[in-house]
C-alpha atoms as a PDB file:
ATOM      1  CA  MET A   1      15.513   6.685 -30.181  1.00  0.00           C
ATOM      2  CA  SER A   2      12.634   5.095 -32.081  1.00  0.00           C
ATOM      3  CA  GLN A   3       9.913   3.706 -29.883  1.00  0.00           C
ATOM      4  CA  GLU A   4       7.531   0.824 -30.326  1.00  0.00           C
ATOM      5  CA  LEU A   5       3.863   1.818 -30.485  1.00  0.00           C
ATOM      6  CA  GLU A   6       1.059  -0.376 -29.190  1.00  0.00           C
ATOM      7  CA  HIS A   7      -2.654   0.356 -28.787  1.00  0.00           C
ATOM      8  CA  VAL A   8      -4.661  -1.280 -25.982  1.00  0.00           C
ATOM      9  CA  GLN A   9      -8.166  -0.876 -24.582  1.00  0.00           C
ATOM     10  CA  CYS A  10      -7.168  -1.110 -20.941  1.00  0.00           C
ATOM     11  CA  LEU A  11      -3.744  -0.533 -19.421  1.00  0.00           C
ATOM     12  CA  ILE A  12      -3.203  -1.369 -15.745  1.00  0.00           C
ATOM     13  CA  ILE A  13      -0.184   0.212 -14.064  1.00  0.00           C
ATOM     14  CA  GLY A  14       0.955  -1.758 -11.030  1.00  0.00           C
ATOM     15  CA  SER A  15       0.224  -5.157  -9.580  1.00  0.00           C
ATOM     16  CA  GLY A  16      -0.837  -6.156  -6.062  1.00  0.00           C
ATOM     17  CA  PRO A  17      -4.406  -6.922  -4.962  1.00  0.00           C
ATOM     18  CA  ALA A  18      -5.847  -3.816  -6.660  1.00  0.00           C
ATOM     19  CA  GLY A  19      -4.107  -4.256  -9.994  1.00  0.00           C
ATOM     20  CA  TYR A  20      -4.652  -7.993 -10.275  1.00  0.00           C
ATOM     21  CA  THR A  21      -8.328  -7.713  -9.276  1.00  0.00           C
ATOM     22  CA  ALA A  22      -8.817  -4.964 -11.853  1.00  0.00           C
ATOM     23  CA  ALA A  23      -7.170  -7.260 -14.383  1.00  0.00           C
ATOM     24  CA  ILE A  24      -9.476 -10.168 -13.534  1.00  0.00           C
ATOM     25  CA  TYR A  25     -12.607  -8.057 -14.009  1.00  0.00           C
ATOM     26  CA  ALA A  26     -11.298  -6.248 -17.088  1.00  0.00           C
ATOM     27  CA  ALA A  27     -10.281  -9.508 -18.740  1.00  0.00           C
ATOM     28  CA  ARG A  28     -13.669 -11.087 -18.049  1.00  0.00           C
ATOM     29  CA  ALA A  29     -15.261  -8.023 -19.650  1.00  0.00           C
ATOM     30  CA  ASP A  30     -13.150  -8.711 -22.766  1.00  0.00           C
ATOM     31  CA  LEU A  31     -11.161  -5.491 -22.421  1.00  0.00           C
ATOM     32  CA  LYS A  32      -7.963  -7.489 -23.118  1.00  0.00           C
ATOM     33  CA  PRO A  33      -6.036  -5.703 -20.366  1.00  0.00           C
ATOM     34  CA  VAL A  34      -2.292  -5.268 -20.372  1.00  0.00           C
ATOM     35  CA  LEU A  35      -0.783  -5.049 -16.881  1.00  0.00           C
ATOM     36  CA  TYR A  36       2.694  -3.782 -16.098  1.00  0.00           C
ATOM     37  CA  THR A  37       3.828  -5.058 -12.704  1.00  0.00           C
ATOM     38  CA  GLY A  38       6.184  -2.267 -11.707  1.00  0.00           C
ATOM     39  CA  MET A  39       9.503  -3.019 -10.038  1.00  0.00           C
ATOM     40  CA  LEU A  40       7.884  -4.975  -7.193  1.00  0.00           C
ATOM     41  CA  ALA A  41       5.659  -7.533  -8.888  1.00  0.00           C
ATOM     42  CA  GLY A  42       2.811  -8.359  -6.527  1.00  0.00           C
ATOM     43  CA  GLY A  43       3.186  -5.208  -4.448  1.00  0.00           C
ATOM     44  CA  GLN A  44       3.673  -4.943  -0.689  1.00  0.00           C
ATOM     45  CA  LEU A  45       2.166  -8.356   0.049  1.00  0.00           C
ATOM     46  CA  THR A  46       5.185 -10.050  -1.521  1.00  0.00           C
ATOM     47  CA  GLN A  47       7.140  -8.680   1.454  1.00  0.00           C
ATOM     48  CA  THR A  48       4.614 -10.002   3.967  1.00  0.00           C
ATOM     49  CA  THR A  49       4.709 -13.397   5.636  1.00  0.00           C
ATOM     50  CA  ASP A  50       1.382 -14.684   6.995  1.00  0.00           C
ATOM     51  CA  VAL A  51      -1.856 -13.150   5.733  1.00  0.00           C
ATOM     52  CA  GLU A  52      -4.688 -14.303   7.978  1.00  0.00           C
ATOM     53  CA  ASN A  53      -7.392 -11.685   7.449  1.00  0.00           C
ATOM     54  CA  PHE A  54      -8.159 -12.086   3.745  1.00  0.00           C
ATOM     55  CA  PRO A  55     -11.495 -13.912   3.223  1.00  0.00           C
ATOM     56  CA  GLY A  56     -11.303 -17.310   1.593  1.00  0.00           C
ATOM     57  CA  TYR A  57      -8.080 -18.450   3.265  1.00  0.00           C
ATOM     58  CA  PRO A  58      -9.280 -20.054   6.516  1.00  0.00           C
ATOM     59  CA  ASN A  59      -5.801 -21.267   7.431  1.00  0.00           C
ATOM     60  CA  GLY A  60      -4.046 -18.100   6.299  1.00  0.00           C
ATOM     61  CA  ILE A  61      -1.580 -17.856   3.440  1.00  0.00           C
ATOM     62  CA  MET A  62       1.886 -16.469   2.824  1.00  0.00           C
ATOM     63  CA  GLY A  63       1.828 -13.076   1.102  1.00  0.00           C
ATOM     64  CA  PRO A  64       3.944 -14.085  -1.923  1.00  0.00           C
ATOM     65  CA  GLU A  65       1.871 -17.243  -2.442  1.00  0.00           C
ATOM     66  CA  MET A  66      -1.346 -15.240  -2.292  1.00  0.00           C
ATOM     67  CA  MET A  67      -0.132 -12.794  -4.921  1.00  0.00           C
ATOM     68  CA  GLU A  68       0.934 -15.682  -7.130  1.00  0.00           C
ATOM     69  CA  ASP A  69      -2.669 -16.964  -6.910  1.00  0.00           C
ATOM     70  CA  PHE A  70      -3.923 -13.495  -7.908  1.00  0.00           C
ATOM     71  CA  ARG A  71      -1.521 -13.413 -10.854  1.00  0.00           C
ATOM     72  CA  LYS A  72      -2.521 -16.865 -12.084  1.00  0.00           C
ATOM     73  CA  GLN A  73      -6.205 -15.982 -11.906  1.00  0.00           C
ATOM     74  CA  ALA A  74      -5.653 -12.774 -13.881  1.00  0.00           C
ATOM     75  CA  GLU A  75      -3.665 -14.698 -16.514  1.00  0.00           C
ATOM     76  CA  ARG A  76      -6.296 -17.420 -16.685  1.00  0.00           C
ATOM     77  CA  PHE A  77      -8.809 -14.922 -18.051  1.00  0.00           C
ATOM     78  CA  GLY A  78      -6.355 -13.546 -20.585  1.00  0.00           C
ATOM     79  CA  THR A  79      -4.562 -10.632 -18.913  1.00  0.00           C
ATOM     80  CA  ASP A  80      -1.260  -9.845 -20.605  1.00  0.00           C
ATOM     81  CA  ILE A  81       1.055  -9.452 -17.596  1.00  0.00           C
ATOM     82  CA  ARG A  82       4.424  -7.861 -18.280  1.00  0.00           C
ATOM     83  CA  PHE A  83       7.352  -6.950 -16.057  1.00  0.00           C
ATOM     84  CA  GLY A  84       8.266  -3.314 -16.483  1.00  0.00           C
ATOM     85  CA  TYR A  85       7.898   0.170 -15.048  1.00  0.00           C
ATOM     86  CA  VAL A  86       6.190   3.246 -16.410  1.00  0.00           C
ATOM     87  CA  SER A  87       8.735   5.973 -17.098  1.00  0.00           C
ATOM     88  CA  SER A  88       6.413   8.777 -18.257  1.00  0.00           C
ATOM     89  CA  VAL A  89       2.784   9.537 -19.076  1.00  0.00           C
ATOM     90  CA  ASP A  90       0.927  11.982 -21.313  1.00  0.00           C
ATOM     91  CA  PHE A  91      -2.761  12.222 -20.471  1.00  0.00           C
ATOM     92  CA  SER A  92      -3.375  15.430 -22.445  1.00  0.00           C
ATOM     93  CA  SER A  93      -5.247  13.700 -25.277  1.00  0.00           C
ATOM     94  CA  LEU A  94      -7.020  10.453 -26.130  1.00  0.00           C
ATOM     95  CA  PRO A  95      -5.849   7.769 -26.362  1.00  0.00           C
ATOM     96  CA  HIS A  96      -3.523   8.283 -23.408  1.00  0.00           C
ATOM     97  CA  LYS A  97       0.202   7.845 -23.990  1.00  0.00           C
ATOM     98  CA  VAL A  98       2.204   5.815 -21.486  1.00  0.00           C
ATOM     99  CA  VAL A  99       5.902   5.126 -21.952  1.00  0.00           C
ATOM    100  CA  VAL A 100       7.233   1.899 -20.423  1.00  0.00           C
ATOM    101  CA  ASP A 101      10.916   1.321 -19.670  1.00  0.00           C
ATOM    102  CA  GLU A 102      11.637   4.425 -21.791  1.00  0.00           C
ATOM    103  CA  THR A 103      11.335   2.286 -24.937  1.00  0.00           C
ATOM    104  CA  VAL A 104       7.701   1.257 -25.498  1.00  0.00           C
ATOM    105  CA  THR A 105       4.812   3.706 -25.940  1.00  0.00           C
ATOM    106  CA  ILE A 106       1.369   2.359 -25.104  1.00  0.00           C
ATOM    107  CA  LEU A 107      -1.691   4.149 -26.487  1.00  0.00           C
ATOM    108  CA  ALA A 108      -4.444   3.297 -24.012  1.00  0.00           C
ATOM    109  CA  ASP A 109      -8.168   3.981 -24.250  1.00  0.00           C
ATOM    110  CA  THR A 110      -8.378   3.562 -20.475  1.00  0.00           C
ATOM    111  CA  VAL A 111      -5.710   3.557 -17.780  1.00  0.00           C
ATOM    112  CA  ILE A 112      -6.097   2.023 -14.322  1.00  0.00           C
ATOM    113  CA  ILE A 113      -3.520   3.229 -11.814  1.00  0.00           C
ATOM    114  CA  SER A 114      -2.786   0.705  -9.057  1.00  0.00           C
ATOM    115  CA  THR A 115       0.746   1.658  -8.087  1.00  0.00           C
ATOM    116  CA  GLY A 116       0.107   1.363  -4.347  1.00  0.00           C
ATOM    117  CA  ALA A 117       1.966   3.023  -1.516  1.00  0.00           C
ATOM    118  CA  SER A 118       5.144   2.194   0.358  1.00  0.00           C
ATOM    119  CA  ALA A 119       5.566   2.295   4.108  1.00  0.00           C
ATOM    120  CA  LYS A 120       8.090   4.793   5.395  1.00  0.00           C
ATOM    121  CA  TRP A 121      10.841   3.081   7.372  1.00  0.00           C
ATOM    122  CA  LEU A 122      13.408   4.339   9.854  1.00  0.00           C
ATOM    123  CA  GLY A 123      16.252   3.229   7.605  1.00  0.00           C
ATOM    124  CA  LEU A 124      17.899   0.815  10.048  1.00  0.00           C
ATOM    125  CA  GLU A 125      19.684  -2.251   8.724  1.00  0.00           C
ATOM    126  CA  SER A 126      18.229  -4.351  11.546  1.00  0.00           C
ATOM    127  CA  GLU A 127      14.748  -3.087  10.658  1.00  0.00           C
ATOM    128  CA  GLN A 128      14.969  -4.670   7.222  1.00  0.00           C
ATOM    129  CA  LYS A 129      16.677  -7.782   8.575  1.00  0.00           C
ATOM    130  CA  TYR A 130      13.697  -8.576  10.810  1.00  0.00           C
ATOM    131  CA  ASN A 131      10.982  -7.253   8.493  1.00  0.00           C
ATOM    132  CA  GLY A 132       8.297  -9.944   8.593  1.00  0.00           C
ATOM    133  CA  PHE A 133       9.954 -11.612  11.583  1.00  0.00           C
ATOM    134  CA  GLY A 134       8.779  -9.258  14.296  1.00  0.00           C
ATOM    135  CA  VAL A 135       9.028  -5.955  12.417  1.00  0.00           C
ATOM    136  CA  SER A 136       5.894  -4.668  10.696  1.00  0.00           C
ATOM    137  CA  ALA A 137       4.429  -1.476   9.259  1.00  0.00           C
ATOM    138  CA  CYS A 138       0.818  -2.590   9.719  1.00  0.00           C
ATOM    139  CA  ALA A 139      -0.642  -3.257  13.160  1.00  0.00           C
ATOM    140  CA  VAL A 140      -4.033  -4.259  11.761  1.00  0.00           C
ATOM    141  CA  CYS A 141      -2.348  -6.806   9.469  1.00  0.00           C
ATOM    142  CA  ASP A 142       0.078  -8.327  11.957  1.00  0.00           C
ATOM    143  CA  GLY A 143      -1.012  -7.415  15.481  1.00  0.00           C
ATOM    144  CA  PHE A 144      -2.823 -10.732  15.932  1.00  0.00           C
ATOM    145  CA  PHE A 145       0.493 -12.604  15.896  1.00  0.00           C
ATOM    146  CA  PHE A 146       1.563 -10.785  19.066  1.00  0.00           C
ATOM    147  CA  ARG A 147      -1.412 -11.536  21.290  1.00  0.00           C
ATOM    148  CA  GLY A 148      -0.410 -11.405  24.962  1.00  0.00           C
ATOM    149  CA  GLN A 149       3.109 -10.194  24.144  1.00  0.00           C
ATOM    150  CA  ASP A 150       5.015  -6.951  24.674  1.00  0.00           C
ATOM    151  CA  VAL A 151       5.547  -4.772  21.599  1.00  0.00           C
ATOM    152  CA  ALA A 152       6.840  -1.335  20.656  1.00  0.00           C
ATOM    153  CA  ILE A 153       5.501   1.123  18.112  1.00  0.00           C
ATOM    154  CA  VAL A 154       7.294   4.187  16.780  1.00  0.00           C
ATOM    155  CA  GLY A 155       5.407   7.267  15.651  1.00  0.00           C
ATOM    156  CA  ALA A 156       3.541  10.272  17.024  1.00  0.00           C
ATOM    157  CA  GLY A 157       0.774  11.010  14.535  1.00  0.00           C
ATOM    158  CA  ASP A 158      -2.836   9.901  14.266  1.00  0.00           C
ATOM    159  CA  THR A 159      -1.890   6.649  12.508  1.00  0.00           C
ATOM    160  CA  ALA A 160       0.580   5.711  15.246  1.00  0.00           C
ATOM    161  CA  ALA A 161      -1.954   6.569  17.965  1.00  0.00           C
ATOM    162  CA  GLU A 162      -4.667   4.535  16.250  1.00  0.00           C
ATOM    163  CA  GLU A 163      -2.399   1.547  15.734  1.00  0.00           C
ATOM    164  CA  ALA A 164      -1.120   1.733  19.312  1.00  0.00           C
ATOM    165  CA  THR A 165      -4.668   1.547  20.692  1.00  0.00           C
ATOM    166  CA  TYR A 166      -5.412  -1.323  18.308  1.00  0.00           C
ATOM    167  CA  LEU A 167      -2.348  -3.226  19.558  1.00  0.00           C
ATOM    168  CA  ALA A 168      -3.302  -2.489  23.168  1.00  0.00           C
ATOM    169  CA  LYS A 169      -6.415  -4.631  22.729  1.00  0.00           C
ATOM    170  CA  LEU A 170      -4.251  -7.601  21.753  1.00  0.00           C
ATOM    171  CA  CYS A 171      -0.933  -7.182  23.499  1.00  0.00           C
ATOM    172  CA  ARG A 172       0.069  -7.230  27.142  1.00  0.00           C
ATOM    173  CA  LYS A 173       2.142  -4.051  26.904  1.00  0.00           C
ATOM    174  CA  VAL A 174       2.641  -1.467  24.160  1.00  0.00           C
ATOM    175  CA  TYR A 175       5.604   0.904  24.327  1.00  0.00           C
ATOM    176  CA  MET A 176       4.953   3.976  22.200  1.00  0.00           C
ATOM    177  CA  LEU A 177       8.195   5.650  21.154  1.00  0.00           C
ATOM    178  CA  VAL A 178       7.808   9.381  20.474  1.00  0.00           C
ATOM    179  CA  ARG A 179      10.830  11.275  19.165  1.00  0.00           C
ATOM    180  CA  ARG A 180       9.803  14.651  20.555  1.00  0.00           C
ATOM    181  CA  ASP A 181       8.243  15.660  23.868  1.00  0.00           C
ATOM    182  CA  GLU A 182       4.735  15.795  22.448  1.00  0.00           C
ATOM    183  CA  PHE A 183       2.358  14.072  20.039  1.00  0.00           C
ATOM    184  CA  ARG A 184       1.645  15.214  16.500  1.00  0.00           C
ATOM    185  CA  ALA A 185      -1.679  13.353  16.713  1.00  0.00           C
ATOM    186  CA  SER A 186      -4.979  15.123  17.175  1.00  0.00           C
ATOM    187  CA  LYS A 187      -5.947  15.910  20.747  1.00  0.00           C
ATOM    188  CA  ALA A 188      -8.690  13.268  20.698  1.00  0.00           C
ATOM    189  CA  MET A 189      -6.329  10.521  19.533  1.00  0.00           C
ATOM    190  CA  ALA A 190      -3.588  11.562  21.981  1.00  0.00           C
ATOM    191  CA  THR A 191      -6.104  11.495  24.828  1.00  0.00           C
ATOM    192  CA  ARG A 192      -7.240   8.033  23.841  1.00  0.00           C
ATOM    193  CA  VAL A 193      -3.654   6.763  23.922  1.00  0.00           C
ATOM    194  CA  MET A 194      -2.920   8.374  27.285  1.00  0.00           C
ATOM    195  CA  ASN A 195      -6.073   6.847  28.762  1.00  0.00           C
ATOM    196  CA  THR A 196      -5.172   3.321  27.660  1.00  0.00           C
ATOM    197  CA  PRO A 197      -3.557   1.678  30.705  1.00  0.00           C
ATOM    198  CA  ASN A 198      -1.282  -0.812  28.917  1.00  0.00           C
ATOM    199  CA  ILE A 199       0.275   1.797  26.616  1.00  0.00           C
ATOM    200  CA  GLU A 200       3.460   3.348  27.995  1.00  0.00           C
ATOM    201  CA  ILE A 201       4.488   6.513  26.146  1.00  0.00           C
ATOM    202  CA  ILE A 202       8.223   7.134  26.085  1.00  0.00           C
ATOM    203  CA  TYR A 203       8.976  10.665  24.909  1.00  0.00           C
ATOM    204  CA  ASN A 204      12.236  12.059  23.469  1.00  0.00           C
ATOM    205  CA  THR A 205      13.123   8.584  22.330  1.00  0.00           C
ATOM    206  CA  GLU A 206      14.706   7.354  19.098  1.00  0.00           C
ATOM    207  CA  THR A 207      15.206   3.796  17.899  1.00  0.00           C
ATOM    208  CA  LYS A 208      18.834   2.827  17.402  1.00  0.00           C
ATOM    209  CA  GLU A 209      18.579  -0.890  16.615  1.00  0.00           C
ATOM    210  CA  ILE A 210      16.143  -3.770  16.442  1.00  0.00           C
ATOM    211  CA  VAL A 211      17.591  -6.568  18.546  1.00  0.00           C
ATOM    212  CA  GLY A 212      17.008 -10.205  17.648  1.00  0.00           C
ATOM    213  CA  ASP A 213      18.313 -13.748  17.864  1.00  0.00           C
ATOM    214  CA  GLY A 214      18.904 -14.025  14.134  1.00  0.00           C
ATOM    215  CA  GLN A 215      15.391 -15.299  13.508  1.00  0.00           C
ATOM    216  CA  ASN A 216      12.961 -13.141  15.474  1.00  0.00           C
ATOM    217  CA  VAL A 217      12.850  -9.829  17.315  1.00  0.00           C
ATOM    218  CA  THR A 218      13.781  -9.979  21.002  1.00  0.00           C
ATOM    219  CA  GLY A 219      14.066  -6.285  21.821  1.00  0.00           C
ATOM    220  CA  VAL A 220      14.726  -2.743  20.667  1.00  0.00           C
ATOM    221  CA  ARG A 221      17.637  -0.497  21.612  1.00  0.00           C
ATOM    222  CA  VAL A 222      16.456   3.062  22.210  1.00  0.00           C
ATOM    223  CA  HIS A 223      18.185   6.373  22.828  1.00  0.00           C
ATOM    224  CA  ASN A 224      16.855   9.267  24.893  1.00  0.00           C
ATOM    225  CA  ASN A 225      17.756  12.416  22.946  1.00  0.00           C
ATOM    226  CA  LYS A 226      17.508  14.574  26.092  1.00  0.00           C
ATOM    227  CA  THR A 227      19.621  12.546  28.530  1.00  0.00           C
ATOM    228  CA  ASN A 228      21.669  10.570  25.943  1.00  0.00           C
ATOM    229  CA  GLU A 229      20.872   7.394  27.869  1.00  0.00           C
ATOM    230  CA  GLU A 230      20.474   4.126  25.977  1.00  0.00           C
ATOM    231  CA  SER A 231      18.402   1.141  27.036  1.00  0.00           C
ATOM    232  CA  ILE A 232      16.857  -2.008  25.629  1.00  0.00           C
ATOM    233  CA  LEU A 233      13.130  -2.708  25.755  1.00  0.00           C
ATOM    234  CA  ASP A 234      12.251  -6.389  25.863  1.00  0.00           C
ATOM    235  CA  VAL A 235       9.683  -6.768  23.077  1.00  0.00           C
ATOM    236  CA  THR A 236       8.885  -9.423  20.498  1.00  0.00           C
ATOM    237  CA  GLY A 237       7.252  -7.068  18.017  1.00  0.00           C
ATOM    238  CA  PHE A 238       8.251  -3.698  16.574  1.00  0.00           C
ATOM    239  CA  PHE A 239       5.774  -1.626  14.572  1.00  0.00           C
ATOM    240  CA  VAL A 240       6.695   1.355  12.419  1.00  0.00           C
ATOM    241  CA  ALA A 241       3.912   3.922  12.052  1.00  0.00           C
ATOM    242  CA  ILE A 242       5.585   6.995  10.623  1.00  0.00           C
ATOM    243  CA  GLY A 243       3.445   7.153   7.502  1.00  0.00           C
ATOM    244  CA  HIS A 244       3.214   5.870   3.952  1.00  0.00           C
ATOM    245  CA  HIS A 245       4.314   7.357   0.654  1.00  0.00           C
ATOM    246  CA  PRO A 246       1.987   6.740  -2.310  1.00  0.00           C
ATOM    247  CA  ASN A 247       3.856   5.573  -5.406  1.00  0.00           C
ATOM    248  CA  THR A 248       2.390   8.325  -7.548  1.00  0.00           C
ATOM    249  CA  ASP A 249       5.291  10.698  -8.228  1.00  0.00           C
ATOM    250  CA  ILE A 250       5.169  10.016 -11.955  1.00  0.00           C
ATOM    251  CA  PHE A 251       1.609  11.395 -12.095  1.00  0.00           C
ATOM    252  CA  ARG A 252       2.381  14.585 -10.178  1.00  0.00           C
ATOM    253  CA  GLY A 253       1.148  17.626 -12.079  1.00  0.00           C
ATOM    254  CA  VAL A 254      -0.956  15.392 -14.329  1.00  0.00           C
ATOM    255  CA  ILE A 255      -3.630  14.065 -11.957  1.00  0.00           C
ATOM    256  CA  ASP A 256      -5.191  15.783  -8.957  1.00  0.00           C
ATOM    257  CA  MET A 257      -3.628  14.638  -5.679  1.00  0.00           C
ATOM    258  CA  ASP A 258      -3.788  15.628  -2.042  1.00  0.00           C
ATOM    259  CA  GLU A 259      -0.834  17.270  -0.331  1.00  0.00           C
ATOM    260  CA  THR A 260       0.841  13.928   0.427  1.00  0.00           C
ATOM    261  CA  GLY A 261       0.496  12.502  -3.085  1.00  0.00           C
ATOM    262  CA  TYR A 262      -2.591  10.306  -2.807  1.00  0.00           C
ATOM    263  CA  ILE A 263      -4.598  10.481  -6.032  1.00  0.00           C
ATOM    264  CA  ILE A 264      -8.032  12.025  -5.578  1.00  0.00           C
ATOM    265  CA  THR A 265     -10.946  10.012  -6.956  1.00  0.00           C
ATOM    266  CA  LYS A 266     -14.548  11.153  -7.321  1.00  0.00           C
ATOM    267  CA  PRO A 267     -16.767  10.040  -4.414  1.00  0.00           C
ATOM    268  CA  GLY A 268     -18.316   6.632  -5.002  1.00  0.00           C
ATOM    269  CA  SER A 269     -16.070   5.821  -7.958  1.00  0.00           C
ATOM    270  CA  THR A 270     -12.481   5.358  -9.044  1.00  0.00           C
ATOM    271  CA  GLU A 271     -12.612   8.172 -11.611  1.00  0.00           C
ATOM    272  CA  THR A 272      -9.843  10.766 -11.500  1.00  0.00           C
ATOM    273  CA  ASN A 273     -10.022  14.286 -12.909  1.00  0.00           C
ATOM    274  CA  VAL A 274      -8.666  12.931 -16.209  1.00  0.00           C
ATOM    275  CA  GLU A 275     -11.132  11.310 -18.595  1.00  0.00           C
ATOM    276  CA  GLY A 276     -10.528   7.587 -18.986  1.00  0.00           C
ATOM    277  CA  VAL A 277      -8.042   7.380 -16.107  1.00  0.00           C
ATOM    278  CA  PHE A 278      -9.044   5.495 -12.971  1.00  0.00           C
ATOM    279  CA  CYS A 279      -7.210   4.833  -9.715  1.00  0.00           C
ATOM    280  CA  CYS A 280      -7.588   2.029  -7.171  1.00  0.00           C
ATOM    281  CA  GLY A 281      -5.843   0.563  -4.156  1.00  0.00           C
ATOM    282  CA  ASP A 282      -3.402   2.295  -1.843  1.00  0.00           C
ATOM    283  CA  ALA A 283      -2.469   4.920  -4.440  1.00  0.00           C
ATOM    284  CA  GLN A 284      -5.783   6.591  -3.560  1.00  0.00           C
ATOM    285  CA  ASP A 285      -6.517   5.152  -0.103  1.00  0.00           C
ATOM    286  CA  ASN A 286      -4.737   6.711   2.867  1.00  0.00           C
ATOM    287  CA  ILE A 287      -7.257   5.416   5.403  1.00  0.00           C
ATOM    288  CA  TYR A 288      -7.785   1.649   5.200  1.00  0.00           C
ATOM    289  CA  ARG A 289      -4.727   0.332   3.303  1.00  0.00           C
ATOM    290  CA  GLN A 290      -5.813  -3.313   3.446  1.00  0.00           C
ATOM    291  CA  ALA A 291      -5.507  -6.000   0.787  1.00  0.00           C
ATOM    292  CA  ILE A 292      -9.248  -6.615   0.810  1.00  0.00           C
ATOM    293  CA  THR A 293     -10.151  -2.936   0.342  1.00  0.00           C
ATOM    294  CA  ALA A 294      -7.532  -2.605  -2.400  1.00  0.00           C
ATOM    295  CA  ALA A 295      -9.031  -5.590  -4.199  1.00  0.00           C
ATOM    296  CA  GLY A 296     -12.490  -4.069  -3.847  1.00  0.00           C
ATOM    297  CA  THR A 297     -11.456  -0.813  -5.496  1.00  0.00           C
ATOM    298  CA  GLY A 298      -9.647  -2.809  -8.183  1.00  0.00           C
ATOM    299  CA  CYS A 299     -13.009  -4.366  -9.055  1.00  0.00           C
ATOM    300  CA  MET A 300     -14.598  -0.898  -9.079  1.00  0.00           C
ATOM    301  CA  ALA A 301     -11.913   0.494 -11.412  1.00  0.00           C
ATOM    302  CA  ALA A 302     -12.405  -2.273 -13.961  1.00  0.00           C
ATOM    303  CA  LEU A 303     -16.180  -1.818 -13.891  1.00  0.00           C
ATOM    304  CA  ASP A 304     -15.769   1.961 -14.231  1.00  0.00           C
ATOM    305  CA  ALA A 305     -13.416   1.478 -17.188  1.00  0.00           C
ATOM    306  CA  GLU A 306     -15.797  -0.989 -18.842  1.00  0.00           C
ATOM    307  CA  ARG A 307     -18.762   1.387 -18.463  1.00  0.00           C
ATOM    308  CA  TYR A 308     -16.714   4.309 -19.728  1.00  0.00           C
ATOM    309  CA  LEU A 309     -15.751   2.419 -22.893  1.00  0.00           C
ATOM    310  CA  ALA A 310     -19.318   1.194 -23.404  1.00  0.00           C
ATOM    311  CA  ALA A 311     -20.630   4.758 -23.141  1.00  0.00           C
ATOM    312  CA  LYS A 312     -18.002   5.996 -25.618  1.00  0.00           C
ATOM    313  CA  GLU A 313     -18.944   3.217 -28.047  1.00  0.00           C
ATOM    314  CA  ALA A 314     -22.668   3.979 -27.728  1.00  0.00           C
ATOM    315  CA  ALA A 315     -22.048   7.689 -28.299  1.00  0.00           C
ATOM    316  CA  ALA A 316     -19.973   6.918 -31.410  1.00  0.00           C
ATOM    317  CA  MET A 317     -22.757   4.729 -32.837  1.00  0.00           C
ATOM    318  CA  GLU A 318     -25.332   7.476 -32.304  1.00  0.00           C
ATOM    319  CA  ALA A 319     -23.163  10.111 -33.940  1.00  0.00           C
END
């Protein structure tokens, strides 16, 4: 199959706060960026309802509306935004080769990866039904909406323990559902959870169904895998903290990653181990995972790409 060939200065893979911010800065630097949105244009925030912790929105904003604002701002400065997904990459030589939708080959002087990460879910139908209406995968993002209420969180690792203690500061009661009879979290984090009076740890417990009234969560049906007993916990919020999966599989074996697939960037920059390839947002951040931090690294990636190209141009002129 013959493929179209196109040469660009700056290719951005993925949208969301990181990708769109990178696009804004790259466009203002006259890099004429081309951005491919991926299958979920706007990233995880398009599946979020109220966003109240992003600076500049004093009354909060709906996630999809916020990402539409980001998109419009990137387009205003000349970003070429296209719907499509990257099907393969070849970073073995310059310019880098990126194949989109298996039909178009982009030759890119610089590549900014902003493919994000996806929350791992339990796989329950009711979980998706109430996602954004009482079900969340981010306590820091959504815990505020459950002030003074009873909530449940599922997970046993450091992230779950950290989010449970965060929720405990806001909520009246936090039920922590642990599938086994022990934590996977570090001893320090487990101790912190066990010493928090309004966290009740329920071991050997699995979630069977999120219960609701058709609009919002009203409880969670749980199953004890030791006694086979089932019960319903009366909660208005249900948080899933079983980890995230970075959307970086396509770069595996090409770019250095950690054991879970997060792309490794050089300290203090967004540079990867591949010349001219930069990474920003949740694809390289397994700690903060916030829209504001993703946007910040998006800015960094565009500046890094601009400086890289400027240095290449200066070197060529001196040669």
